[in-house]
Amino acid sequence: MNALSRELPDFTMGDGTATADACFRCVAYPVKGRPLPPFDWAVVGCISILAPIYMLYGIEFERAGKVRLRSTVRFEPLTPPMRHPADVFARKIEETFGVSALPREVAEIPVPLVVEWKEPPETMLFHALFSNQPENVP
């Protein structure tokens, strides 16, 4: 996270890892400050603990003032503002951990598993390898 903070100085980095997830997650918020001011989106990089793979995605937030009403996950293609931090995440993850990106088409393959709150037919390989609630970040 320190290396990412140096390369993305206008972003606040956060640890988005949850104990129930099968991955480690880092979140880039497009603002600086503590506590975080309201923001409309974030980029997440996650590395699976089950396989040598990672995935990047964006989250768009619908708000009413400072309250989040809804979060929407965006896999590729990311919006133009999300592209730069996602590219930095990808490069740093590959350099540091030597893992490969999981293609979206593979991540979206349905799997016959129950993963926390997801049940077939909604469960995708992404949920099993990373998180069943990718939109849930601090």
C-alpha atoms as a PDB file:
ATOM      1  CA  MET A   1       0.000   0.000   0.000  1.00  0.00           C
ATOM      2  CA  ASN A   2       2.949   2.347   0.617  1.00  0.00           C
ATOM      3  CA  ALA A   3       4.218   1.878  -2.942  1.00  0.00           C
ATOM      4  CA  LEU A   4       0.731   2.496  -4.312  1.00  0.00           C
ATOM      5  CA  SER A   5       0.390   5.647  -2.192  1.00  0.00           C
ATOM      6  CA  ARG A   6       3.619   6.999  -3.678  1.00  0.00           C
ATOM      7  CA  GLU A   7       2.441   6.334  -7.242  1.00  0.00           C
ATOM      8  CA  LEU A   8      -1.088   7.606  -6.629  1.00  0.00           C
ATOM      9  CA  PRO A   9      -0.522  10.661  -4.387  1.00  0.00           C
ATOM     10  CA  ASP A  10      -4.007  12.098  -4.971  1.00  0.00           C
ATOM     11  CA  PHE A  11      -5.671   8.916  -3.673  1.00  0.00           C
ATOM     12  CA  THR A  12      -6.265   7.526  -0.220  1.00  0.00           C
ATOM     13  CA  MET A  13      -5.355   3.835   0.063  1.00  0.00           C
ATOM     14  CA  GLY A  14      -7.279   1.496   2.281  1.00  0.00           C
ATOM     15  CA  ASP A  15      -7.223  -2.157   3.260  1.00  0.00           C
ATOM     16  CA  GLY A  16     -10.493  -3.677   2.067  1.00  0.00           C
ATOM     17  CA  THR A  17      -9.740  -7.219   3.247  1.00  0.00           C
ATOM     18  CA  ALA A  18     -12.565  -8.976   5.096  1.00  0.00           C
ATOM     19  CA  THR A  19     -12.052 -12.152   7.110  1.00  0.00           C
ATOM     20  CA  ALA A  20     -14.719 -14.058   5.152  1.00  0.00           C
ATOM     21  CA  ASP A  21     -13.103 -13.299   1.774  1.00  0.00           C
ATOM     22  CA  ALA A  22     -10.715 -15.559  -0.129  1.00  0.00           C
ATOM     23  CA  CYS A  23      -8.501 -12.612  -1.025  1.00  0.00           C
ATOM     24  CA  PHE A  24      -6.554  -9.607   0.135  1.00  0.00           C
ATOM     25  CA  ARG A  25      -8.026  -6.317  -1.115  1.00  0.00           C
ATOM     26  CA  CYS A  26      -6.608  -2.824  -1.460  1.00  0.00           C
ATOM     27  CA  VAL A  27      -8.887   0.098  -2.254  1.00  0.00           C
ATOM     28  CA  ALA A  28      -7.937   3.415  -3.885  1.00  0.00           C
ATOM     29  CA  TYR A  29     -10.296   6.268  -3.058  1.00  0.00           C
ATOM     30  CA  PRO A  30      -9.983   9.299  -5.405  1.00  0.00           C
ATOM     31  CA  VAL A  31      -9.705  11.783  -2.521  1.00  0.00           C
ATOM     32  CA  LYS A  32      -7.339  12.589   0.307  1.00  0.00           C
ATOM     33  CA  GLY A  33      -8.144  13.109   3.957  1.00  0.00           C
ATOM     34  CA  ARG A  34      -9.274  11.504   7.185  1.00  0.00           C
ATOM     35  CA  PRO A  35     -12.093  10.973   7.658  1.00  0.00           C
ATOM     36  CA  LEU A  36     -12.677  10.445   3.967  1.00  0.00           C
ATOM     37  CA  PRO A  37     -14.805  13.111   2.318  1.00  0.00           C
ATOM     38  CA  PRO A  38     -17.659  11.845   0.114  1.00  0.00           C
ATOM     39  CA  PHE A  39     -16.528  10.167  -3.098  1.00  0.00           C
ATOM     40  CA  ASP A  40     -18.401   8.682  -6.071  1.00  0.00           C
ATOM     41  CA  TRP A  41     -16.150   5.748  -6.947  1.00  0.00           C
ATOM     42  CA  ALA A  42     -13.193   3.615  -5.883  1.00  0.00           C
ATOM     43  CA  VAL A  43     -10.852   1.079  -7.493  1.00  0.00           C
ATOM     44  CA  VAL A  44     -10.183  -2.276  -5.861  1.00  0.00           C
ATOM     45  CA  GLY A  45      -7.311  -4.665  -6.443  1.00  0.00           C
ATOM     46  CA  CYS A  46      -7.685  -8.151  -5.001  1.00  0.00           C
ATOM     47  CA  ILE A  47      -5.301 -11.088  -4.851  1.00  0.00           C
ATOM     48  CA  SER A  48      -6.765 -14.544  -4.301  1.00  0.00           C
ATOM     49  CA  ILE A  49      -5.412 -16.678  -1.465  1.00  0.00           C
ATOM     50  CA  LEU A  50      -6.595 -19.787  -3.349  1.00  0.00           C
ATOM     51  CA  ALA A  51      -4.783 -19.333  -6.668  1.00  0.00           C
ATOM     52  CA  PRO A  52      -1.955 -17.113  -8.022  1.00  0.00           C
ATOM     53  CA  ILE A  53      -4.368 -14.660  -9.629  1.00  0.00           C
ATOM     54  CA  TYR A  54      -5.668 -11.154  -9.111  1.00  0.00           C
ATOM     55  CA  MET A  55      -8.564  -9.082 -10.327  1.00  0.00           C
ATOM     56  CA  LEU A  56      -9.288  -5.368 -10.520  1.00  0.00           C
ATOM     57  CA  TYR A  57     -12.668  -3.710 -10.447  1.00  0.00           C
ATOM     58  CA  GLY A  58     -14.315  -0.397  -9.795  1.00  0.00           C
ATOM     59  CA  ILE A  59     -17.165   0.490  -7.487  1.00  0.00           C
ATOM     60  CA  GLU A  60     -19.552   3.344  -8.180  1.00  0.00           C
ATOM     61  CA  PHE A  61     -21.454   4.761  -5.219  1.00  0.00           C
ATOM     62  CA  GLU A  62     -24.902   6.264  -5.240  1.00  0.00           C
ATOM     63  CA  ARG A  63     -25.204   8.699  -2.349  1.00  0.00           C
ATOM     64  CA  ALA A  64     -27.570  10.930  -0.489  1.00  0.00           C
ATOM     65  CA  GLY A  65     -25.216  13.431   1.101  1.00  0.00           C
ATOM     66  CA  LYS A  66     -22.629  11.393   3.017  1.00  0.00           C
ATOM     67  CA  VAL A  67     -24.771   8.245   3.141  1.00  0.00           C
ATOM     68  CA  ARG A  68     -24.172   5.458   0.626  1.00  0.00           C
ATOM     69  CA  LEU A  69     -27.464   4.253  -0.797  1.00  0.00           C
ATOM     70  CA  ARG A  70     -26.133   1.704  -3.257  1.00  0.00           C
ATOM     71  CA  SER A  71     -22.876   0.396  -4.657  1.00  0.00           C
ATOM     72  CA  THR A  72     -22.397  -0.965  -8.176  1.00  0.00           C
ATOM     73  CA  VAL A  73     -19.419  -3.125  -9.136  1.00  0.00           C
ATOM     74  CA  ARG A  74     -17.815  -2.438 -12.533  1.00  0.00           C
ATOM     75  CA  PHE A  75     -15.492  -4.968 -14.080  1.00  0.00           C
ATOM     76  CA  GLU A  76     -13.787  -4.240 -17.403  1.00  0.00           C
ATOM     77  CA  PRO A  77     -14.204  -1.922 -19.135  1.00  0.00           C
ATOM     78  CA  LEU A  78     -13.615   0.573 -16.326  1.00  0.00           C
ATOM     79  CA  THR A  79     -14.609   4.215 -16.626  1.00  0.00           C
ATOM     80  CA  PRO A  80     -11.853   6.621 -17.779  1.00  0.00           C
ATOM     81  CA  PRO A  81     -11.214   8.045 -14.251  1.00  0.00           C
ATOM     82  CA  MET A  82     -10.779   4.491 -12.883  1.00  0.00           C
ATOM     83  CA  ARG A  83      -8.360   3.415 -15.615  1.00  0.00           C
ATOM     84  CA  HIS A  84      -5.180   5.094 -14.314  1.00  0.00           C
ATOM     85  CA  PRO A  85      -5.328   3.761 -10.736  1.00  0.00           C
ATOM     86  CA  ALA A  86      -6.306   0.326 -12.075  1.00  0.00           C
ATOM     87  CA  ASP A  87      -3.272   0.303 -14.385  1.00  0.00           C
ATOM     88  CA  VAL A  88      -1.004   1.227 -11.452  1.00  0.00           C
ATOM     89  CA  PHE A  89      -2.587  -1.513  -9.297  1.00  0.00           C
ATOM     90  CA  ALA A  90      -2.079  -4.106 -12.051  1.00  0.00           C
ATOM     91  CA  ARG A  91       1.570  -3.226 -12.557  1.00  0.00           C
ATOM     92  CA  LYS A  92       2.366  -3.169  -8.822  1.00  0.00           C
ATOM     93  CA  ILE A  93       0.502  -6.419  -8.099  1.00  0.00           C
ATOM     94  CA  GLU A  94       2.303  -8.243 -10.908  1.00  0.00           C
ATOM     95  CA  GLU A  95       5.727  -6.832  -9.908  1.00  0.00           C
ATOM     96  CA  THR A  96       5.313  -7.491  -6.193  1.00  0.00           C
ATOM     97  CA  PHE A  97       3.461 -10.798  -6.077  1.00  0.00           C
ATOM     98  CA  GLY A  98       4.130 -12.401  -9.479  1.00  0.00           C
ATOM     99  CA  VAL A  99       0.473 -13.280 -10.016  1.00  0.00           C
ATOM    100  CA  SER A 100      -1.596 -13.067 -13.214  1.00  0.00           C
ATOM    101  CA  ALA A 101      -4.827 -11.236 -13.950  1.00  0.00           C
ATOM    102  CA  LEU A 102      -7.943 -13.394 -14.134  1.00  0.00           C
ATOM    103  CA  PRO A 103      -9.886 -12.486 -17.300  1.00  0.00           C
ATOM    104  CA  ARG A 104     -13.390 -11.178 -16.748  1.00  0.00           C
ATOM    105  CA  GLU A 105     -14.852 -13.909 -18.967  1.00  0.00           C
ATOM    106  CA  VAL A 106     -13.387 -16.576 -16.669  1.00  0.00           C
ATOM    107  CA  ALA A 107     -14.343 -14.727 -13.471  1.00  0.00           C
ATOM    108  CA  GLU A 108     -17.975 -14.610 -14.603  1.00  0.00           C
ATOM    109  CA  ILE A 109     -18.295 -18.379 -15.124  1.00  0.00           C
ATOM    110  CA  PRO A 110     -21.188 -19.675 -12.966  1.00  0.00           C
ATOM    111  CA  VAL A 111     -20.133 -22.220 -10.331  1.00  0.00           C
ATOM    112  CA  PRO A 112     -22.354 -24.671  -8.416  1.00  0.00           C
ATOM    113  CA  LEU A 113     -21.204 -23.436  -4.989  1.00  0.00           C
ATOM    114  CA  VAL A 114     -22.667 -21.526  -2.085  1.00  0.00           C
ATOM    115  CA  VAL A 115     -20.225 -18.753  -1.157  1.00  0.00           C
ATOM    116  CA  GLU A 116     -21.335 -16.938   1.988  1.00  0.00           C
ATOM    117  CA  TRP A 117     -24.474 -15.053   0.823  1.00  0.00           C
ATOM    118  CA  LYS A 118     -24.320 -16.076  -2.842  1.00  0.00           C
ATOM    119  CA  GLU A 119     -26.101 -19.196  -4.020  1.00  0.00           C
ATOM    120  CA  PRO A 120     -26.351 -20.840  -7.442  1.00  0.00           C
ATOM    121  CA  PRO A 121     -27.203 -19.722 -10.067  1.00  0.00           C
ATOM    122  CA  GLU A 122     -25.875 -16.273  -8.983  1.00  0.00           C
ATOM    123  CA  THR A 123     -22.509 -17.576  -7.766  1.00  0.00           C
ATOM    124  CA  MET A 124     -19.644 -16.859 -10.170  1.00  0.00           C
ATOM    125  CA  LEU A 125     -16.048 -18.067 -10.040  1.00  0.00           C
ATOM    126  CA  PHE A 126     -15.127 -14.528  -8.910  1.00  0.00           C
ATOM    127  CA  HIS A 127     -17.146 -15.009  -5.721  1.00  0.00           C
ATOM    128  CA  ALA A 128     -15.399 -18.288  -4.905  1.00  0.00           C
ATOM    129  CA  LEU A 129     -11.866 -17.008  -5.612  1.00  0.00           C
ATOM    130  CA  PHE A 130     -12.177 -13.485  -4.226  1.00  0.00           C
ATOM    131  CA  SER A 131     -15.288 -12.135  -2.492  1.00  0.00           C
ATOM    132  CA  ASN A 132     -18.993 -12.748  -2.371  1.00  0.00           C
ATOM    133  CA  GLN A 133     -19.571  -9.052  -1.638  1.00  0.00           C
ATOM    134  CA  PRO A 134     -17.121  -7.123  -3.825  1.00  0.00           C
ATOM    135  CA  GLU A 135     -19.142  -3.928  -3.417  1.00  0.00           C
ATOM    136  CA  ASN A 136     -18.704  -3.963   0.364  1.00  0.00           C
ATOM    137  CA  VAL A 137     -15.637  -1.833   1.134  1.00  0.00           C
ATOM    138  CA  PRO A 138     -14.975   0.466   4.088  1.00  0.00           C
END
